[in-house]
Amino acid sequence: MTDVTRILNAIERGDAKATDELLPLVYEELRILAAQKLSHESPGQTLQATALVHEAYIRLVGDKPQSWDNHGHFFAAAAEAMRRILVENARRKKCHRHGGGRQRVELDEGAILAPDDVPPDDMLALDEALERLADHNKPMADLVKLRAFAGLTGKQAAEALGISESKACEDLAYARAWLALEIGKGDHSPVA
């Protein structure tokens, strides 16, 4: 049993001190995942990796008692929390009250992100398609979330879900095609 799993079990039993022990053990991994996710956001993103980690962590170990089976299960929950935060942020940015479709322009050209950034509209379309995929095949949707939002490798995602790496590869190929079709129905960009 890893230290993380031991601490997660202590949190589940209600040990308040265990929550304080968990963050230092998982912080760097969560920060790397957050940075990976934010690197795919559109220019003008105001959410920083540190803030995303802290918000996700608060949601994971907040007021509601949580239960995780192991290290992989915790990171799957972290990926889901980060995904929800990014989707909420995209929705907030899309609201007219928060500037509508306007984007913040940085003066530093070095701060411009790669062309595969996900605009808020596409993030919302992806989220809606993922919800439909979860209704159709929840394990497949979980696999996409682990790969796309947690930045796990195929092997890591397969281990977290308890499936073979080849099954994960097949499911991911199917999910990409399914999501591209679903997103295409709404005239949004296809999933890469």
Protein backbone atom coordinates (compact mmCIF):
# COMPACT_ATOMS: atom_id res chain seq x y z
CA MET A 1 0.00 0.00 0.00
CA THR A 2 1.47 3.34 -1.04
CA ASP A 3 1.58 6.35 1.25
CA VAL A 4 -1.08 8.04 -0.89
CA THR A 5 -3.43 5.05 -0.59
CA ARG A 6 -2.81 4.87 3.18
CA ILE A 7 -3.61 8.56 3.56
CA LEU A 8 -6.69 8.27 1.33
CA ASN A 9 -7.93 5.46 3.57
CA ALA A 10 -7.31 7.63 6.65
CA ILE A 11 -9.27 10.50 5.08
CA GLU A 12 -12.14 8.11 4.38
CA ARG A 13 -12.12 7.11 8.06
CA GLY A 14 -12.44 10.80 9.00
CA ASP A 15 -8.86 11.56 10.05
CA ALA A 16 -8.64 15.36 9.62
CA LYS A 17 -4.83 15.37 9.86
CA ALA A 18 -4.58 13.01 6.89
CA THR A 19 -5.93 15.70 4.56
CA ASP A 20 -2.94 17.90 5.46
CA GLU A 21 -0.55 15.01 4.71
CA LEU A 22 -2.05 14.28 1.28
CA LEU A 23 -1.42 17.55 -0.56
CA PRO A 24 2.40 17.52 -0.24
CA LEU A 25 2.47 13.95 -1.62
CA VAL A 26 0.27 14.58 -4.66
CA TYR A 27 0.82 18.28 -5.31
CA GLU A 28 3.56 18.02 -7.92
CA GLU A 29 1.72 15.33 -9.90
CA LEU A 30 -1.49 17.38 -9.80
CA ARG A 31 0.38 20.51 -10.84
CA ILE A 32 1.91 18.72 -13.84
CA LEU A 33 -1.55 17.48 -14.87
CA ALA A 34 -3.00 20.96 -14.45
CA ALA A 35 -0.22 22.53 -16.50
CA GLN A 36 -0.81 19.98 -19.28
CA LYS A 37 -4.52 20.76 -19.33
CA LEU A 38 -4.01 24.50 -19.30
CA SER A 39 -1.48 24.30 -22.14
CA HIS A 40 -4.40 23.32 -24.38
CA GLU A 41 -6.59 26.24 -23.37
CA SER A 42 -7.13 29.24 -25.62
CA PRO A 43 -5.03 32.42 -25.37
CA GLY A 44 -6.11 34.80 -22.65
CA GLN A 45 -6.65 32.00 -20.14
CA THR A 46 -6.55 33.57 -16.69
CA LEU A 47 -6.63 30.33 -14.70
CA GLN A 48 -3.16 29.24 -13.59
CA ALA A 49 -1.99 25.67 -12.91
CA THR A 50 -1.59 26.38 -9.19
CA ALA A 51 -5.13 27.74 -8.93
CA LEU A 52 -6.50 24.76 -10.87
CA VAL A 53 -4.71 22.33 -8.54
CA HIS A 54 -5.97 24.10 -5.43
CA GLU A 55 -9.55 24.31 -6.70
CA ALA A 56 -9.53 20.63 -7.71
CA TYR A 57 -7.98 19.63 -4.37
CA ILE A 58 -10.60 21.58 -2.41
CA ARG A 59 -13.32 19.81 -4.38
CA LEU A 60 -11.71 16.44 -3.73
CA VAL A 61 -11.14 16.72 0.02
CA GLY A 62 -13.69 19.40 0.88
CA ASP A 63 -16.70 19.13 3.16
CA LYS A 64 -18.21 16.02 1.57
CA PRO A 65 -16.67 12.74 2.72
CA GLN A 66 -14.92 11.04 -0.21
CA SER A 67 -13.76 7.51 -0.75
CA TRP A 68 -10.98 6.41 -3.11
CA ASP A 69 -9.86 2.87 -3.73
CA ASN A 70 -6.28 3.73 -4.60
CA HIS A 71 -3.85 6.24 -6.08
CA GLY A 72 -5.28 5.79 -9.61
CA HIS A 73 -8.84 6.30 -8.41
CA PHE A 74 -7.82 9.54 -6.69
CA PHE A 75 -6.17 10.85 -9.86
CA ALA A 76 -9.21 9.87 -11.91
CA ALA A 77 -11.29 11.96 -9.51
CA ALA A 78 -8.75 14.78 -9.81
CA ALA A 79 -8.99 14.63 -13.61
CA GLU A 80 -12.76 14.85 -13.41
CA ALA A 81 -12.56 17.80 -11.00
CA MET A 82 -10.12 19.62 -13.30
CA ARG A 83 -12.33 18.93 -16.31
CA ARG A 84 -15.35 20.37 -14.52
CA ILE A 85 -13.42 23.45 -13.44
CA LEU A 86 -12.21 24.07 -17.01
CA VAL A 87 -15.73 23.58 -18.39
CA GLU A 88 -17.18 25.94 -15.77
CA ASN A 89 -14.48 28.46 -16.65
CA ALA A 90 -15.32 28.14 -20.37
CA ARG A 91 -19.02 28.66 -19.63
CA ARG A 92 -18.25 31.68 -17.47
CA LYS A 93 -16.10 33.22 -20.20
CA LYS A 94 -18.82 32.67 -22.76
CA CYS A 95 -21.36 34.63 -20.72
CA HIS A 96 -21.96 38.18 -21.96
CA ARG A 97 -21.50 39.45 -18.45
CA HIS A 98 -17.90 38.25 -18.59
CA GLY A 99 -17.07 39.60 -22.04
CA GLY A 100 -19.04 37.17 -24.20
CA GLY A 101 -17.00 36.07 -27.17
CA ARG A 102 -14.24 38.58 -26.58
CA GLN A 103 -10.83 37.23 -25.79
CA ARG A 104 -8.02 38.83 -23.86
CA VAL A 105 -5.02 39.61 -26.06
CA GLU A 106 -1.56 39.33 -24.56
CA LEU A 107 1.08 41.76 -25.81
CA ASP A 108 3.87 39.23 -25.39
CA GLU A 109 3.90 37.10 -28.55
CA GLY A 110 5.82 34.38 -26.67
CA ALA A 111 2.73 33.82 -24.54
CA ILE A 112 0.61 32.75 -27.52
CA LEU A 113 -0.27 29.08 -27.26
CA ALA A 114 -0.12 26.33 -29.89
CA PRO A 115 -2.81 26.15 -32.60
CA ASP A 116 -4.42 23.06 -31.06
CA ASP A 117 -5.90 25.15 -28.23
CA VAL A 118 -9.48 24.43 -27.33
CA PRO A 119 -11.75 27.50 -27.57
CA PRO A 120 -14.56 27.78 -24.98
CA ASP A 121 -17.23 26.80 -27.53
CA ASP A 122 -15.34 23.64 -28.43
CA MET A 123 -14.72 22.87 -24.74
CA LEU A 124 -18.46 23.08 -24.12
CA ALA A 125 -19.21 20.94 -27.18
CA LEU A 126 -16.65 18.36 -26.00
CA ASP A 127 -18.15 18.36 -22.50
CA GLU A 128 -21.67 17.81 -23.86
CA ALA A 129 -20.44 15.03 -26.15
CA LEU A 130 -18.57 13.41 -23.23
CA GLU A 131 -21.77 13.44 -21.19
CA ARG A 132 -23.58 11.66 -24.05
CA LEU A 133 -20.69 9.18 -24.35
CA ALA A 134 -20.95 8.50 -20.60
CA ASP A 135 -24.65 7.69 -21.08
CA HIS A 136 -23.67 5.35 -23.91
CA ASN A 137 -20.50 3.87 -22.36
CA LYS A 138 -19.28 5.27 -19.02
CA PRO A 139 -15.95 3.37 -18.88
CA MET A 140 -15.06 4.71 -22.32
CA ALA A 141 -15.91 8.26 -21.24
CA ASP A 142 -13.79 7.78 -18.11
CA LEU A 143 -10.90 6.66 -20.32
CA VAL A 144 -11.19 9.81 -22.44
CA LYS A 145 -11.26 11.97 -19.31
CA LEU A 146 -8.13 10.31 -17.91
CA ARG A 147 -6.26 10.70 -21.19
CA ALA A 148 -7.54 14.15 -22.18
CA PHE A 149 -7.99 15.89 -18.84
CA ALA A 150 -5.55 14.13 -16.53
CA GLY A 151 -2.84 13.70 -19.15
CA LEU A 152 -2.30 10.07 -18.24
CA THR A 153 -0.58 7.79 -20.73
CA GLY A 154 -2.53 4.92 -22.27
CA LYS A 155 -0.83 2.52 -19.87
CA GLN A 156 -1.56 4.67 -16.80
CA ALA A 157 -5.21 5.16 -17.80
CA ALA A 158 -5.60 1.42 -18.43
CA GLU A 159 -4.15 0.66 -14.98
CA ALA A 160 -6.41 3.23 -13.31
CA LEU A 161 -9.46 1.65 -14.96
CA GLY A 162 -8.30 -1.95 -14.47
CA ILE A 163 -8.25 -2.81 -18.19
CA SER A 164 -5.52 -3.95 -20.56
CA GLU A 165 -3.50 -1.39 -22.45
CA SER A 166 -4.67 -2.82 -25.80
CA LYS A 167 -8.34 -2.56 -24.70
CA ALA A 168 -7.72 1.05 -23.65
CA CYS A 169 -6.16 1.78 -27.07
CA GLU A 170 -9.15 0.23 -28.89
CA ASP A 171 -11.67 2.04 -26.69
CA LEU A 172 -9.88 5.36 -27.14
CA ALA A 173 -9.90 5.01 -30.94
CA TYR A 174 -13.63 4.25 -30.85
CA ALA A 175 -14.31 7.11 -28.42
CA ARG A 176 -12.41 9.62 -30.60
CA ALA A 177 -14.46 8.65 -33.64
CA TRP A 178 -17.71 8.68 -31.65
CA LEU A 179 -16.95 12.09 -30.13
CA ALA A 180 -15.95 13.53 -33.51
CA LEU A 181 -19.29 12.44 -34.95
CA GLU A 182 -21.22 13.80 -31.97
CA ILE A 183 -19.43 17.12 -32.00
CA GLY A 184 -19.80 17.29 -35.79
CA LYS A 185 -23.60 17.10 -35.40
CA GLY A 186 -23.46 20.50 -33.70
CA ASP A 187 -21.20 21.99 -36.42
CA HIS A 188 -18.25 22.19 -34.02
CA SER A 189 -14.68 21.26 -34.76
CA PRO A 190 -13.93 17.53 -34.66
CA VAL A 191 -12.00 16.01 -31.77
CA ALA A 192 -8.30 15.60 -32.47
